[in-house]
Amino acid sequence: MGKFEKVSLKSAAVVHPMIMRIMLVVLCAAPFFLLSLEAFARAGGGGNDSSMNALLYIILWPFMVIYGAYVSLRVFLKRRRVSSALAEMARVEPQWSEEKLSSFAKERFELLQSLWGK
């Protein structure tokens, strides 16, 4: 029972970055949405097509947010599947534990970085 709680706690910890990613998409898109009239203003007059661009942002902004949420959800579900598969494999072979694989990858990455810099 303790191992199942450990897996569920790891997957619950993944929710926080997903929510942060959605908030980041919203916060990055908000200035474009709010300042679209000023962003597309032309020097010297010209045609008044900035209202068309603002309309484009109003139409596209929800799709960008929904797509960001969709991608975040897919990454979250895949990460949860991989974590549960690694936990299952670690029961049979201890070297497949998530912590050992993570530390191995970190060691190899740091080794490659140090050799690359020489």
Protein backbone atom coordinates (compact mmCIF):
# COMPACT_ATOMS: atom_id res chain seq x y z
CA MET A 1 0.00 0.00 0.00
CA GLY A 2 2.90 2.37 0.75
CA LYS A 3 4.29 2.01 -2.78
CA PHE A 4 0.95 2.99 -4.31
CA GLU A 5 0.83 6.10 -2.15
CA LYS A 6 4.34 7.01 -3.29
CA VAL A 7 3.35 6.74 -6.96
CA SER A 8 0.18 8.77 -6.43
CA LEU A 9 2.15 11.47 -4.60
CA LYS A 10 4.60 11.72 -7.50
CA SER A 11 1.81 12.02 -10.04
CA ALA A 12 0.06 14.60 -7.85
CA ALA A 13 3.25 16.66 -7.77
CA VAL A 14 3.16 16.82 -11.58
CA VAL A 15 -0.15 18.69 -11.56
CA HIS A 16 1.48 21.85 -10.27
CA PRO A 17 3.78 22.41 -13.29
CA MET A 18 0.85 21.75 -15.61
CA ILE A 19 -1.20 24.47 -13.96
CA MET A 20 1.82 26.78 -14.03
CA ARG A 21 2.28 26.11 -17.76
CA ILE A 22 -1.35 27.02 -18.47
CA MET A 23 -1.01 30.20 -16.44
CA LEU A 24 2.19 31.04 -18.31
CA VAL A 25 0.42 30.67 -21.67
CA VAL A 26 -2.40 32.91 -20.48
CA LEU A 27 -0.02 35.52 -19.10
CA CYS A 28 2.12 35.51 -22.25
CA ALA A 29 -0.90 35.86 -24.52
CA ALA A 30 -2.57 38.58 -22.46
CA PRO A 31 -0.26 41.47 -23.53
CA PHE A 32 -0.80 40.63 -27.21
CA PHE A 33 -4.51 40.54 -26.64
CA LEU A 34 -4.63 43.77 -24.64
CA LEU A 35 -2.08 45.78 -26.63
CA SER A 36 -2.88 44.58 -30.13
CA LEU A 37 -4.07 48.00 -31.30
CA GLU A 38 -0.80 49.64 -30.29
CA ALA A 39 1.34 46.79 -31.55
CA PHE A 40 0.01 47.05 -35.10
CA ALA A 41 -0.10 50.85 -35.35
CA ARG A 42 1.73 52.23 -38.39
CA ALA A 43 3.80 55.37 -38.61
CA GLY A 44 2.37 57.88 -41.06
CA GLY A 45 -1.23 56.81 -40.84
CA GLY A 46 -2.11 54.15 -43.35
CA GLY A 47 -5.18 52.02 -43.28
CA ASN A 48 -7.01 51.20 -40.10
CA ASP A 49 -6.59 47.42 -40.07
CA SER A 50 -5.63 47.22 -36.41
CA SER A 51 -9.22 46.43 -35.46
CA MET A 52 -9.02 43.40 -37.77
CA ASN A 53 -5.86 42.27 -35.99
CA ALA A 54 -7.52 42.74 -32.62
CA LEU A 55 -10.41 40.63 -33.84
CA LEU A 56 -7.94 37.99 -34.97
CA TYR A 57 -6.40 37.91 -31.48
CA ILE A 58 -9.82 37.67 -29.88
CA ILE A 59 -10.62 34.68 -32.09
CA LEU A 60 -7.22 32.92 -31.87
CA TRP A 61 -6.45 33.51 -28.18
CA PRO A 62 -8.88 30.86 -26.83
CA PHE A 63 -7.50 28.31 -29.30
CA MET A 64 -3.95 29.01 -28.11
CA VAL A 65 -4.99 28.57 -24.49
CA ILE A 66 -6.94 25.38 -25.23
CA TYR A 67 -4.05 23.96 -27.25
CA GLY A 68 -1.61 24.76 -24.43
CA ALA A 69 -3.90 23.03 -21.95
CA TYR A 70 -4.25 20.03 -24.30
CA VAL A 71 -0.48 19.65 -24.71
CA SER A 72 0.04 20.02 -20.95
CA LEU A 73 -2.58 17.36 -20.27
CA ARG A 74 -0.95 14.96 -22.75
CA VAL A 75 2.48 15.49 -21.15
CA PHE A 76 0.98 15.00 -17.69
CA LEU A 77 -0.73 11.73 -18.67
CA LYS A 78 2.38 10.42 -20.41
CA ARG A 79 4.57 11.30 -17.41
CA ARG A 80 2.14 9.52 -15.10
CA ARG A 81 2.15 6.41 -17.32
CA VAL A 82 5.94 6.37 -17.46
CA SER A 83 6.22 6.81 -13.69
CA SER A 84 3.85 3.94 -13.02
CA ALA A 85 5.64 1.74 -15.57
CA LEU A 86 9.01 2.53 -13.96
CA ALA A 87 7.58 1.77 -10.53
CA GLU A 88 6.32 -1.58 -11.82
CA MET A 89 9.69 -2.35 -13.42
CA ALA A 90 11.52 -1.31 -10.25
CA ARG A 91 9.60 -3.95 -8.32
CA VAL A 92 11.23 -6.59 -10.53
CA GLU A 93 14.59 -4.93 -11.23
CA PRO A 94 15.69 -2.33 -8.63
CA GLN A 95 18.04 -0.56 -11.07
CA TRP A 96 14.97 0.68 -13.02
CA SER A 97 13.80 2.89 -10.18
CA GLU A 98 13.10 6.44 -11.20
CA GLU A 99 15.66 7.86 -8.78
CA LYS A 100 18.47 5.62 -10.04
CA LEU A 101 17.69 6.35 -13.69
CA SER A 102 17.53 10.07 -12.98
CA SER A 103 20.85 10.08 -11.13
CA PHE A 104 22.48 7.99 -13.91
CA ALA A 105 21.24 10.38 -16.59
CA LYS A 106 22.41 13.39 -14.57
CA GLU A 107 25.88 11.90 -14.09
CA ARG A 108 26.23 11.10 -17.79
CA PHE A 109 24.98 14.55 -18.80
CA GLU A 110 27.47 16.28 -16.50
CA LEU A 111 30.25 14.06 -17.85
CA LEU A 112 29.36 14.95 -21.44
CA GLN A 113 29.13 18.65 -20.56
CA SER A 114 32.57 18.60 -18.93
CA LEU A 115 34.11 16.74 -21.89
CA TRP A 116 32.40 19.06 -24.37
CA GLY A 117 33.90 22.13 -22.70
CA LYS A 118 37.50 20.87 -22.91
